[in-house]
């Protein structure tokens, strides 16, 4: 019962992504070919909403459900890690046609080929954990 709220948030997130067509392979294909603004609009809206949320959290010193002040530590200013990580993420996204969230949504929608993508993503996460100390951070 404790995790039921997370299940409902996940279901709501999945419905929003399906209704906005963010899980559509064709929409992602259009984005990578710069043929449509649709996905850029969704991603840009998420970035703007996230930036406003962080600003509000810091400005109003918003507290968590447990009553503790939310601490947002500053990120390292490393150029290499973001370029390298973003490139690998983008290549995986382009090859699979889905980023991590939509992989599970597509599986739930009956696209069982996503099982291969989920297995590959799990393997990639494991490889990152093994190689983490040797990668640029």
Foldseek 3Di string as FASTA:
>chain_A
DVCVVVVVVLVVVLVVCVVLVVLPLVVVVCVVVVNDCSNVVVVVVVVVVVVVVVVCLVVVQDADPVRHGDDDDDDDPDPVVCVVVVVVQVVLCNVVSHHVSSLVSVVVVPPVVSVVVVVVVVVVVVVCVVCVVVDDD
